[in-house]
mmCIF file of all heavy atoms, coordinates in Angstrom:
data_MODEL
# 
_entry.id   MODEL 
# 
loop_
_atom_site.group_PDB 
_atom_site.id 
_atom_site.type_symbol 
_atom_site.label_atom_id 
_atom_site.label_alt_id 
_atom_site.label_comp_id 
_atom_site.label_asym_id 
_atom_site.label_entity_id 
_atom_site.label_seq_id 
_atom_site.pdbx_PDB_ins_code 
_atom_site.Cartn_x 
_atom_site.Cartn_y 
_atom_site.Cartn_z 
_atom_site.occupancy 
_atom_site.B_iso_or_equiv 
_atom_site.pdbx_formal_charge 
_atom_site.auth_seq_id 
_atom_site.auth_comp_id 
_atom_site.auth_asym_id 
_atom_site.auth_atom_id 
_atom_site.pdbx_PDB_model_num 
ATOM 1   N N   . PRO A 1 1  ? -22.322 3.835  9.558   1.00 0.00 ? 1  PRO A N   1 
ATOM 2   C CA  . PRO A 1 1  ? -21.237 3.380  8.692   1.00 0.00 ? 1  PRO A CA  1 
ATOM 3   C C   . PRO A 1 1  ? -21.328 3.971  7.282   1.00 0.00 ? 1  PRO A C   1 
ATOM 4   O O   . PRO A 1 1  ? -21.456 3.263  6.299   1.00 0.00 ? 1  PRO A O   1 
ATOM 5   C CB  . PRO A 1 1  ? -21.362 1.871  8.673   1.00 0.00 ? 1  PRO A CB  1 
ATOM 6   C CG  . PRO A 1 1  ? -22.598 1.522  9.361   1.00 0.00 ? 1  PRO A CG  1 
ATOM 7   C CD  . PRO A 1 1  ? -23.185 2.754  9.939   1.00 0.00 ? 1  PRO A CD  1 
ATOM 8   N N   . ALA A 1 2  ? -21.260 5.282  7.185   1.00 0.00 ? 2  ALA A N   1 
ATOM 9   C CA  . ALA A 1 2  ? -21.243 5.944  5.884   1.00 0.00 ? 2  ALA A CA  1 
ATOM 10  C C   . ALA A 1 2  ? -19.798 5.981  5.388   1.00 0.00 ? 2  ALA A C   1 
ATOM 11  O O   . ALA A 1 2  ? -18.868 5.635  6.107   1.00 0.00 ? 2  ALA A O   1 
ATOM 12  C CB  . ALA A 1 2  ? -21.805 7.343  6.021   1.00 0.00 ? 2  ALA A CB  1 
ATOM 13  N N   . ALA A 1 3  ? -19.637 6.425  4.168   1.00 0.00 ? 3  ALA A N   1 
ATOM 14  C CA  . ALA A 1 3  ? -18.293 6.501  3.601   1.00 0.00 ? 3  ALA A CA  1 
ATOM 15  C C   . ALA A 1 3  ? -17.463 7.486  4.423   1.00 0.00 ? 3  ALA A C   1 
ATOM 16  O O   . ALA A 1 3  ? -17.921 8.587  4.721   1.00 0.00 ? 3  ALA A O   1 
ATOM 17  C CB  . ALA A 1 3  ? -18.367 6.963  2.159   1.00 0.00 ? 3  ALA A CB  1 
ATOM 18  N N   . PRO A 1 4  ? -16.241 7.088  4.812   1.00 0.00 ? 4  PRO A N   1 
ATOM 19  C CA  . PRO A 1 4  ? -15.422 7.982  5.615   1.00 0.00 ? 4  PRO A CA  1 
ATOM 20  C C   . PRO A 1 4  ? -15.003 9.197  4.800   1.00 0.00 ? 4  PRO A C   1 
ATOM 21  O O   . PRO A 1 4  ? -14.825 9.124  3.587   1.00 0.00 ? 4  PRO A O   1 
ATOM 22  C CB  . PRO A 1 4  ? -14.215 7.132  6.003   1.00 0.00 ? 4  PRO A CB  1 
ATOM 23  C CG  . PRO A 1 4  ? -14.160 6.060  4.977   1.00 0.00 ? 4  PRO A CG  1 
ATOM 24  C CD  . PRO A 1 4  ? -15.577 5.827  4.541   1.00 0.00 ? 4  PRO A CD  1 
ATOM 25  N N   . ALA A 1 5  ? -14.860 10.321 5.491   1.00 0.00 ? 5  ALA A N   1 
ATOM 26  C CA  . ALA A 1 5  ? -14.434 11.537 4.817   1.00 0.00 ? 5  ALA A CA  1 
ATOM 27  C C   . ALA A 1 5  ? -12.994 11.378 4.366   1.00 0.00 ? 5  ALA A C   1 
ATOM 28  O O   . ALA A 1 5  ? -12.186 10.751 5.054   1.00 0.00 ? 5  ALA A O   1 
ATOM 29  C CB  . ALA A 1 5  ? -14.561 12.719 5.778   1.00 0.00 ? 5  ALA A CB  1 
ATOM 30  N N   . PRO A 1 6  ? -12.667 11.904 3.200   1.00 0.00 ? 6  PRO A N   1 
ATOM 31  C CA  . PRO A 1 6  ? -11.291 11.760 2.724   1.00 0.00 ? 6  PRO A CA  1 
ATOM 32  C C   . PRO A 1 6  ? -10.325 12.493 3.651   1.00 0.00 ? 6  PRO A C   1 
ATOM 33  O O   . PRO A 1 6  ? -10.638 13.557 4.174   1.00 0.00 ? 6  PRO A O   1 
ATOM 34  C CB  . PRO A 1 6  ? -11.310 12.388 1.330   1.00 0.00 ? 6  PRO A CB  1 
ATOM 35  C CG  . PRO A 1 6  ? -12.576 13.149 1.233   1.00 0.00 ? 6  PRO A CG  1 
ATOM 36  C CD  . PRO A 1 6  ? -13.503 12.610 2.261   1.00 0.00 ? 6  PRO A CD  1 
ATOM 37  N N   . SER A 1 7  ? -9.163  11.919 3.844   1.00 0.00 ? 7  SER A N   1 
ATOM 38  C CA  . SER A 1 7  ? -8.193  12.527 4.738   1.00 0.00 ? 7  SER A CA  1 
ATOM 39  C C   . SER A 1 7  ? -7.610  13.779 4.088   1.00 0.00 ? 7  SER A C   1 
ATOM 40  O O   . SER A 1 7  ? -7.762  14.012 2.882   1.00 0.00 ? 7  SER A O   1 
ATOM 41  C CB  . SER A 1 7  ? -7.068  11.541 5.054   1.00 0.00 ? 7  SER A CB  1 
ATOM 42  O OG  . SER A 1 7  ? -6.299  11.311 3.896   1.00 0.00 ? 7  SER A OG  1 
ATOM 43  N N   . MET A 1 8  ? -6.938  14.570 4.889   1.00 0.00 ? 8  MET A N   1 
ATOM 44  C CA  . MET A 1 8  ? -6.357  15.801 4.390   1.00 0.00 ? 8  MET A CA  1 
ATOM 45  C C   . MET A 1 8  ? -5.300  15.507 3.325   1.00 0.00 ? 8  MET A C   1 
ATOM 46  O O   . MET A 1 8  ? -5.211  16.203 2.312   1.00 0.00 ? 8  MET A O   1 
ATOM 47  C CB  . MET A 1 8  ? -5.745  16.607 5.537   1.00 0.00 ? 8  MET A CB  1 
ATOM 48  C CG  . MET A 1 8  ? -5.261  17.971 5.106   1.00 0.00 ? 8  MET A CG  1 
ATOM 49  S SD  . MET A 1 8  ? -4.453  18.932 6.376   1.00 0.00 ? 8  MET A SD  1 
ATOM 50  C CE  . MET A 1 8  ? -5.635  18.963 7.666   1.00 0.00 ? 8  MET A CE  1 
ATOM 51  N N   . ILE A 1 9  ? -4.551  14.449 3.531   1.00 0.00 ? 9  ILE A N   1 
ATOM 52  C CA  . ILE A 1 9  ? -3.506  14.084 2.569   1.00 0.00 ? 9  ILE A CA  1 
ATOM 53  C C   . ILE A 1 9  ? -4.130  13.715 1.221   1.00 0.00 ? 9  ILE A C   1 
ATOM 54  O O   . ILE A 1 9  ? -3.651  14.141 0.166   1.00 0.00 ? 9  ILE A O   1 
ATOM 55  C CB  . ILE A 1 9  ? -2.637  12.933 3.117   1.00 0.00 ? 9  ILE A CB  1 
ATOM 56  C CG1 . ILE A 1 9  ? -1.871  13.429 4.352   1.00 0.00 ? 9  ILE A CG1 1 
ATOM 57  C CG2 . ILE A 1 9  ? -1.710  12.388 2.057   1.00 0.00 ? 9  ILE A CG2 1 
ATOM 58  C CD1 . ILE A 1 9  ? -1.099  12.367 5.075   1.00 0.00 ? 9  ILE A CD1 1 
ATOM 59  N N   . ASP A 1 10 ? -5.215  12.944 1.270   1.00 0.00 ? 10 ASP A N   1 
ATOM 60  C CA  . ASP A 1 10 ? -5.893  12.572 0.026   1.00 0.00 ? 10 ASP A CA  1 
ATOM 61  C C   . ASP A 1 10 ? -6.422  13.811 -0.690  1.00 0.00 ? 10 ASP A C   1 
ATOM 62  O O   . ASP A 1 10 ? -6.338  13.913 -1.916  1.00 0.00 ? 10 ASP A O   1 
ATOM 63  C CB  . ASP A 1 10 ? -7.041  11.599 0.306   1.00 0.00 ? 10 ASP A CB  1 
ATOM 64  C CG  . ASP A 1 10 ? -6.547  10.244 0.768   1.00 0.00 ? 10 ASP A CG  1 
ATOM 65  O OD1 . ASP A 1 10 ? -5.376  9.898  0.463   1.00 0.00 ? 10 ASP A OD1 1 
ATOM 66  O OD2 . ASP A 1 10 ? -7.330  9.531  1.438   1.00 0.00 ? 10 ASP A OD2 1 
ATOM 67  N N   . GLN A 1 11 ? -6.964  14.736 0.068   1.00 0.00 ? 11 GLN A N   1 
ATOM 68  C CA  . GLN A 1 11 ? -7.490  15.960 -0.536  1.00 0.00 ? 11 GLN A CA  1 
ATOM 69  C C   . GLN A 1 11 ? -6.368  16.796 -1.150  1.00 0.00 ? 11 GLN A C   1 
ATOM 70  O O   . GLN A 1 11 ? -6.531  17.359 -2.234  1.00 0.00 ? 11 GLN A O   1 
ATOM 71  C CB  . GLN A 1 11 ? -8.258  16.774 0.501   1.00 0.00 ? 11 GLN A CB  1 
ATOM 72  C CG  . GLN A 1 11 ? -9.559  16.118 0.925   1.00 0.00 ? 11 GLN A CG  1 
ATOM 73  C CD  . GLN A 1 11 ? -10.263 16.892 2.040   1.00 0.00 ? 11 GLN A CD  1 
ATOM 74  O OE1 . GLN A 1 11 ? -9.674  17.740 2.691   1.00 0.00 ? 11 GLN A OE1 1 
ATOM 75  N NE2 . GLN A 1 11 ? -11.533 16.585 2.252   1.00 0.00 ? 11 GLN A NE2 1 
ATOM 76  N N   . LEU A 1 12 ? -5.228  16.866 -0.464  1.00 0.00 ? 12 LEU A N   1 
ATOM 77  C CA  . LEU A 1 12 ? -4.088  17.611 -1.007  1.00 0.00 ? 12 LEU A CA  1 
ATOM 78  C C   . LEU A 1 12 ? -3.560  16.949 -2.285  1.00 0.00 ? 12 LEU A C   1 
ATOM 79  O O   . LEU A 1 12 ? -3.203  17.633 -3.249  1.00 0.00 ? 12 LEU A O   1 
ATOM 80  C CB  . LEU A 1 12 ? -2.974  17.732 0.032   1.00 0.00 ? 12 LEU A CB  1 
ATOM 81  C CG  . LEU A 1 12 ? -3.246  18.701 1.189   1.00 0.00 ? 12 LEU A CG  1 
ATOM 82  C CD1 . LEU A 1 12 ? -2.170  18.563 2.259   1.00 0.00 ? 12 LEU A CD1 1 
ATOM 83  C CD2 . LEU A 1 12 ? -3.334  20.119 0.688   1.00 0.00 ? 12 LEU A CD2 1 
ATOM 84  N N   . LYS A 1 13 ? -3.526  15.623 -2.312  1.00 0.00 ? 13 LYS A N   1 
ATOM 85  C CA  . LYS A 1 13 ? -3.090  14.907 -3.517  1.00 0.00 ? 13 LYS A CA  1 
ATOM 86  C C   . LYS A 1 13 ? -4.027  15.205 -4.679  1.00 0.00 ? 13 LYS A C   1 
ATOM 87  O O   . LYS A 1 13 ? -3.587  15.432 -5.812  1.00 0.00 ? 13 LYS A O   1 
ATOM 88  C CB  . LYS A 1 13 ? -3.046  13.401 -3.257  1.00 0.00 ? 13 LYS A CB  1 
ATOM 89  C CG  . LYS A 1 13 ? -1.881  12.955 -2.421  1.00 0.00 ? 13 LYS A CG  1 
ATOM 90  C CD  . LYS A 1 13 ? -1.927  11.458 -2.221  1.00 0.00 ? 13 LYS A CD  1 
ATOM 91  C CE  . LYS A 1 13 ? -0.804  10.982 -1.308  1.00 0.00 ? 13 LYS A CE  1 
ATOM 92  N NZ  . LYS A 1 13 ? -0.860  9.528  -1.087  1.00 0.00 ? 13 LYS A NZ  1 
ATOM 93  N N   . GLU A 1 14 ? -5.337  15.201 -4.383  1.00 0.00 ? 14 GLU A N   1 
ATOM 94  C CA  . GLU A 1 14 ? -6.315  15.479 -5.430  1.00 0.00 ? 14 GLU A CA  1 
ATOM 95  C C   . GLU A 1 14 ? -6.149  16.906 -5.954  1.00 0.00 ? 14 GLU A C   1 
ATOM 96  O O   . GLU A 1 14 ? -6.220  17.144 -7.173  1.00 0.00 ? 14 GLU A O   1 
ATOM 97  C CB  . GLU A 1 14 ? -7.726  15.272 -4.880  1.00 0.00 ? 14 GLU A CB  1 
ATOM 98  C CG  . GLU A 1 14 ? -8.814  15.425 -5.913  1.00 0.00 ? 14 GLU A CG  1 
ATOM 99  C CD  . GLU A 1 14 ? -10.189 15.155 -5.354  1.00 0.00 ? 14 GLU A CD  1 
ATOM 100 O OE1 . GLU A 1 14 ? -10.310 14.394 -4.374  1.00 0.00 ? 14 GLU A OE1 1 
ATOM 101 O OE2 . GLU A 1 14 ? -11.140 15.717 -5.905  1.00 0.00 ? 14 GLU A OE2 1 
ATOM 102 N N   . LEU A 1 15 ? -5.905  17.848 -5.046  1.00 0.00 ? 15 LEU A N   1 
ATOM 103 C CA  . LEU A 1 15 ? -5.669  19.230 -5.475  1.00 0.00 ? 15 LEU A CA  1 
ATOM 104 C C   . LEU A 1 15 ? -4.425  19.315 -6.353  1.00 0.00 ? 15 LEU A C   1 
ATOM 105 O O   . LEU A 1 15 ? -4.408  20.027 -7.372  1.00 0.00 ? 15 LEU A O   1 
ATOM 106 C CB  . LEU A 1 15 ? -5.508  20.154 -4.263  1.00 0.00 ? 15 LEU A CB  1 
ATOM 107 C CG  . LEU A 1 15 ? -6.788  20.605 -3.551  1.00 0.00 ? 15 LEU A CG  1 
ATOM 108 C CD1 . LEU A 1 15 ? -6.452  21.416 -2.315  1.00 0.00 ? 15 LEU A CD1 1 
ATOM 109 C CD2 . LEU A 1 15 ? -7.678  21.399 -4.482  1.00 0.00 ? 15 LEU A CD2 1 
ATOM 110 N N   . GLY A 1 16 ? -3.361  18.609 -5.950  1.00 0.00 ? 16 GLY A N   1 
ATOM 111 C CA  . GLY A 1 16 ? -2.138  18.594 -6.747  1.00 0.00 ? 16 GLY A CA  1 
ATOM 112 C C   . GLY A 1 16 ? -2.371  18.037 -8.137  1.00 0.00 ? 16 GLY A C   1 
ATOM 113 O O   . GLY A 1 16 ? -1.858  18.565 -9.138  1.00 0.00 ? 16 GLY A O   1 
ATOM 114 N N   . GLU A 1 17 ? -3.172  16.971 -8.234  1.00 0.00 ? 17 GLU A N   1 
ATOM 115 C CA  . GLU A 1 17 ? -3.474  16.379 -9.534  1.00 0.00 ? 17 GLU A CA  1 
ATOM 116 C C   . GLU A 1 17 ? -4.275  17.351 -10.401 1.00 0.00 ? 17 GLU A C   1 
ATOM 117 O O   . GLU A 1 17 ? -4.028  17.467 -11.607 1.00 0.00 ? 17 GLU A O   1 
ATOM 118 C CB  . GLU A 1 17 ? -4.243  15.070 -9.345  1.00 0.00 ? 17 GLU A CB  1 
ATOM 119 C CG  . GLU A 1 17 ? -3.409  13.951 -8.761  1.00 0.00 ? 17 GLU A CG  1 
ATOM 120 C CD  . GLU A 1 17 ? -4.238  12.717 -8.428  1.00 0.00 ? 17 GLU A CD  1 
ATOM 121 O OE1 . GLU A 1 17 ? -5.444  12.684 -8.728  1.00 0.00 ? 17 GLU A OE1 1 
ATOM 122 O OE2 . GLU A 1 17 ? -3.659  11.772 -7.861  1.00 0.00 ? 17 GLU A OE2 1 
ATOM 123 N N   . LEU A 1 18 ? -5.234  18.048 -9.774  1.00 0.00 ? 18 LEU A N   1 
ATOM 124 C CA  . LEU A 1 18 ? -6.026  19.022 -10.530 1.00 0.00 ? 18 LEU A CA  1 
ATOM 125 C C   . LEU A 1 18 ? -5.150  20.163 -11.034 1.00 0.00 ? 18 LEU A C   1 
ATOM 126 O O   . LEU A 1 18 ? -5.341  20.666 -12.147 1.00 0.00 ? 18 LEU A O   1 
ATOM 127 C CB  . LEU A 1 18 ? -7.177  19.565 -9.667  1.00 0.00 ? 18 LEU A CB  1 
ATOM 128 C CG  . LEU A 1 18 ? -8.306  18.589 -9.349  1.00 0.00 ? 18 LEU A CG  1 
ATOM 129 C CD1 . LEU A 1 18 ? -9.274  19.187 -8.341  1.00 0.00 ? 18 LEU A CD1 1 
ATOM 130 C CD2 . LEU A 1 18 ? -9.036  18.182 -10.610 1.00 0.00 ? 18 LEU A CD2 1 
ATOM 131 N N   . LYS A 1 19 ? -4.173  20.550 -10.228 1.00 0.00 ? 19 LYS A N   1 
ATOM 132 C CA  . LYS A 1 19 ? -3.251  21.611 -10.647 1.00 0.00 ? 19 LYS A CA  1 
ATOM 133 C C   . LYS A 1 19 ? -2.384  21.135 -11.815 1.00 0.00 ? 19 LYS A C   1 
ATOM 134 O O   . LYS A 1 19 ? -2.179  21.861 -12.800 1.00 0.00 ? 19 LYS A O   1 
ATOM 135 C CB  . LYS A 1 19 ? -2.362  22.032 -9.471  1.00 0.00 ? 19 LYS A CB  1 
ATOM 136 C CG  . LYS A 1 19 ? -1.393  23.134 -9.813  1.00 0.00 ? 19 LYS A CG  1 
ATOM 137 C CD  . LYS A 1 19 ? -0.496  23.417 -8.641  1.00 0.00 ? 19 LYS A CD  1 
ATOM 138 C CE  . LYS A 1 19 ? 0.749   24.123 -9.132  1.00 0.00 ? 19 LYS A CE  1 
ATOM 139 N NZ  . LYS A 1 19 ? 1.884   23.894 -8.292  1.00 0.00 ? 19 LYS A NZ  1 
ATOM 140 N N   . GLU A 1 20 ? -1.887  19.898 -11.732 1.00 0.00 ? 20 GLU A N   1 
ATOM 141 C CA  . GLU A 1 20 ? -1.053  19.340 -12.803 1.00 0.00 ? 20 GLU A CA  1 
ATOM 142 C C   . GLU A 1 20 ? -1.836  19.195 -14.097 1.00 0.00 ? 20 GLU A C   1 
ATOM 143 O O   . GLU A 1 20 ? -1.291  19.363 -15.190 1.00 0.00 ? 20 GLU A O   1 
ATOM 144 C CB  . GLU A 1 20 ? -0.493  17.981 -12.386 1.00 0.00 ? 20 GLU A CB  1 
ATOM 145 C CG  . GLU A 1 20 ? 0.588   18.060 -11.341 1.00 0.00 ? 20 GLU A CG  1 
ATOM 146 C CD  . GLU A 1 20 ? 1.044   16.683 -10.886 1.00 0.00 ? 20 GLU A CD  1 
ATOM 147 O OE1 . GLU A 1 20 ? 0.644   15.671 -11.491 1.00 0.00 ? 20 GLU A OE1 1 
ATOM 148 O OE2 . GLU A 1 20 ? 1.791   16.623 -9.901  1.00 0.00 ? 20 GLU A OE2 1 
ATOM 149 N N   . GLN A 1 21 ? -3.131  18.884 -13.997 1.00 0.00 ? 21 GLN A N   1 
ATOM 150 C CA  . GLN A 1 21 ? -3.968  18.725 -15.184 1.00 0.00 ? 21 GLN A CA  1 
ATOM 151 C C   . GLN A 1 21 ? -4.351  20.082 -15.779 1.00 0.00 ? 21 GLN A C   1 
ATOM 152 O O   . GLN A 1 21 ? -4.891  20.145 -16.872 1.00 0.00 ? 21 GLN A O   1 
ATOM 153 C CB  . GLN A 1 21 ? -5.239  17.940 -14.844 1.00 0.00 ? 21 GLN A CB  1 
ATOM 154 C CG  . GLN A 1 21 ? -4.983  16.511 -14.445 1.00 0.00 ? 21 GLN A CG  1 
ATOM 155 C CD  . GLN A 1 21 ? -6.235  15.822 -13.910 1.00 0.00 ? 21 GLN A CD  1 
ATOM 156 O OE1 . GLN A 1 21 ? -7.320  16.419 -13.852 1.00 0.00 ? 21 GLN A OE1 1 
ATOM 157 N NE2 . GLN A 1 21 ? -6.099  14.563 -13.509 1.00 0.00 ? 21 GLN A NE2 1 
ATOM 158 N N   . GLY A 1 22 ? -4.098  21.147 -15.046 1.00 0.00 ? 22 GLY A N   1 
ATOM 159 C CA  . GLY A 1 22 ? -4.430  22.477 -15.543 1.00 0.00 ? 22 GLY A CA  1 
ATOM 160 C C   . GLY A 1 22 ? -5.836  22.923 -15.196 1.00 0.00 ? 22 GLY A C   1 
ATOM 161 O O   . GLY A 1 22 ? -6.317  23.947 -15.669 1.00 0.00 ? 22 GLY A O   1 
ATOM 162 N N   . VAL A 1 23 ? -6.541  22.148 -14.355 1.00 0.00 ? 23 VAL A N   1 
ATOM 163 C CA  . VAL A 1 23 ? -7.895  22.517 -13.952 1.00 0.00 ? 23 VAL A CA  1 
ATOM 164 C C   . VAL A 1 23 ? -7.841  23.689 -12.970 1.00 0.00 ? 23 VAL A C   1 
ATOM 165 O O   . VAL A 1 23 ? -8.681  24.593 -13.028 1.00 0.00 ? 23 VAL A O   1 
ATOM 166 C CB  . VAL A 1 23 ? -8.627  21.304 -13.317 1.00 0.00 ? 23 VAL A CB  1 
ATOM 167 C CG1 . VAL A 1 23 ? -9.990  21.688 -12.801 1.00 0.00 ? 23 VAL A CG1 1 
ATOM 168 C CG2 . VAL A 1 23 ? -8.723  20.174 -14.333 1.00 0.00 ? 23 VAL A CG2 1 
ATOM 169 N N   . LEU A 1 24 ? -6.836  23.691 -12.093 1.00 0.00 ? 24 LEU A N   1 
ATOM 170 C CA  . LEU A 1 24 ? -6.666  24.763 -11.114 1.00 0.00 ? 24 LEU A CA  1 
ATOM 171 C C   . LEU A 1 24 ? -5.446  25.598 -11.474 1.00 0.00 ? 24 LEU A C   1 
ATOM 172 O O   . LEU A 1 24 ? -4.421  25.064 -11.905 1.00 0.00 ? 24 LEU A O   1 
ATOM 173 C CB  . LEU A 1 24 ? -6.463  24.182 -9.703  1.00 0.00 ? 24 LEU A CB  1 
ATOM 174 C CG  . LEU A 1 24 ? -7.627  23.456 -9.055  1.00 0.00 ? 24 LEU A CG  1 
ATOM 175 C CD1 . LEU A 1 24 ? -7.201  22.891 -7.703  1.00 0.00 ? 24 LEU A CD1 1 
ATOM 176 C CD2 . LEU A 1 24 ? -8.820  24.368 -8.867  1.00 0.00 ? 24 LEU A CD2 1 
ATOM 177 N N   . THR A 1 25 ? -5.577  26.884 -11.266 1.00 0.00 ? 25 THR A N   1 
ATOM 178 C CA  . THR A 1 25 ? -4.417  27.762 -11.438 1.00 0.00 ? 25 THR A CA  1 
ATOM 179 C C   . THR A 1 25 ? -3.580  27.705 -10.168 1.00 0.00 ? 25 THR A C   1 
ATOM 180 O O   . THR A 1 25 ? -4.000  27.140 -9.145  1.00 0.00 ? 25 THR A O   1 
ATOM 181 C CB  . THR A 1 25 ? -4.861  29.218 -11.685 1.00 0.00 ? 25 THR A CB  1 
ATOM 182 O OG1 . THR A 1 25 ? -5.539  29.691 -10.529 1.00 0.00 ? 25 THR A OG1 1 
ATOM 183 C CG2 . THR A 1 25 ? -5.761  29.331 -12.907 1.00 0.00 ? 25 THR A CG2 1 
ATOM 184 N N   . GLU A 1 26 ? -2.406  28.314 -10.223 1.00 0.00 ? 26 GLU A N   1 
ATOM 185 C CA  . GLU A 1 26 ? -1.522  28.338 -9.053  1.00 0.00 ? 26 GLU A CA  1 
ATOM 186 C C   . GLU A 1 26 ? -2.190  29.052 -7.875  1.00 0.00 ? 26 GLU A C   1 
ATOM 187 O O   . GLU A 1 26 ? -2.105  28.592 -6.741  1.00 0.00 ? 26 GLU A O   1 
ATOM 188 C CB  . GLU A 1 26 ? -0.204  29.041 -9.422  1.00 0.00 ? 26 GLU A CB  1 
ATOM 189 C CG  . GLU A 1 26 ? 0.836   29.032 -8.324  1.00 0.00 ? 26 GLU A CG  1 
ATOM 190 C CD  . GLU A 1 26 ? 1.375   27.633 -8.026  1.00 0.00 ? 26 GLU A CD  1 
ATOM 191 O OE1 . GLU A 1 26 ? 1.546   26.833 -8.956  1.00 0.00 ? 26 GLU A OE1 1 
ATOM 192 O OE2 . GLU A 1 26 ? 1.605   27.341 -6.841  1.00 0.00 ? 26 GLU A OE2 1 
ATOM 193 N N   . ASP A 1 27 ? -2.880  30.142 -8.164  1.00 0.00 ? 27 ASP A N   1 
ATOM 194 C CA  . ASP A 1 27 ? -3.558  30.893 -7.092  1.00 0.00 ? 27 ASP A CA  1 
ATOM 195 C C   . ASP A 1 27 ? -4.714  30.091 -6.490  1.00 0.00 ? 27 ASP A C   1 
ATOM 196 O O   . ASP A 1 27 ? -4.905  30.071 -5.271  1.00 0.00 ? 27 ASP A O   1 
ATOM 197 C CB  . ASP A 1 27 ? -4.077  32.226 -7.628  1.00 0.00 ? 27 ASP A CB  1 
ATOM 198 C CG  . ASP A 1 27 ? -2.952  33.179 -8.008  1.00 0.00 ? 27 ASP A CG  1 
ATOM 199 O OD1 . ASP A 1 27 ? -1.846  33.042 -7.433  1.00 0.00 ? 27 ASP A OD1 1 
ATOM 200 O OD2 . ASP A 1 27 ? -3.194  34.055 -8.862  1.00 0.00 ? 27 ASP A OD2 1 
ATOM 201 N N   . GLU A 1 28 ? -5.498  29.430 -7.337  1.00 0.00 ? 28 GLU A N   1 
ATOM 202 C CA  . GLU A 1 28 ? -6.613  28.609 -6.841  1.00 0.00 ? 28 GLU A CA  1 
ATOM 203 C C   . GLU A 1 28 ? -6.090  27.447 -5.996  1.00 0.00 ? 28 GLU A C   1 
ATOM 204 O O   . GLU A 1 28 ? -6.652  27.119 -4.955  1.00 0.00 ? 28 GLU A O   1 
ATOM 205 C CB  . GLU A 1 28 ? -7.445  28.071 -8.012  1.00 0.00 ? 28 GLU A CB  1 
ATOM 206 C CG  . GLU A 1 28 ? -8.215  29.138 -8.761  1.00 0.00 ? 28 GLU A CG  1 
ATOM 207 C CD  . GLU A 1 28 ? -8.866  28.596 -10.030 1.00 0.00 ? 28 GLU A CD  1 
ATOM 208 O OE1 . GLU A 1 28 ? -8.355  27.609 -10.606 1.00 0.00 ? 28 GLU A OE1 1 
ATOM 209 O OE2 . GLU A 1 28 ? -9.884  29.167 -10.434 1.00 0.00 ? 28 GLU A OE2 1 
ATOM 210 N N   . PHE A 1 29 ? -5.010  26.840 -6.487  1.00 0.00 ? 29 PHE A N   1 
ATOM 211 C CA  . PHE A 1 29 ? -4.406  25.732 -5.745  1.00 0.00 ? 29 PHE A CA  1 
ATOM 212 C C   . PHE A 1 29 ? -3.934  26.213 -4.374  1.00 0.00 ? 29 PHE A C   1 
ATOM 213 O O   . PHE A 1 29 ? -4.198  25.567 -3.357  1.00 0.00 ? 29 PHE A O   1 
ATOM 214 C CB  . PHE A 1 29 ? -3.232  25.142 -6.529  1.00 0.00 ? 29 PHE A CB  1 
ATOM 215 C CG  . PHE A 1 29 ? -2.438  24.129 -5.752  1.00 0.00 ? 29 PHE A CG  1 
ATOM 216 C CD1 . PHE A 1 29 ? -2.937  22.855 -5.534  1.00 0.00 ? 29 PHE A CD1 1 
ATOM 217 C CD2 . PHE A 1 29 ? -1.198  24.449 -5.217  1.00 0.00 ? 29 PHE A CD2 1 
ATOM 218 C CE1 . PHE A 1 29 ? -2.214  21.910 -4.810  1.00 0.00 ? 29 PHE A CE1 1 
ATOM 219 C CE2 . PHE A 1 29 ? -0.467  23.523 -4.490  1.00 0.00 ? 29 PHE A CE2 1 
ATOM 220 C CZ  . PHE A 1 29 ? -0.976  22.256 -4.284  1.00 0.00 ? 29 PHE A CZ  1 
# 
């Protein structure tokens, strides 16, 4: 019973947030 892996949707949302914050460029995203 370890922490479940984040779903693909959650990971995509996190990537989108990082892009909006300017942490990721369009190409990296």
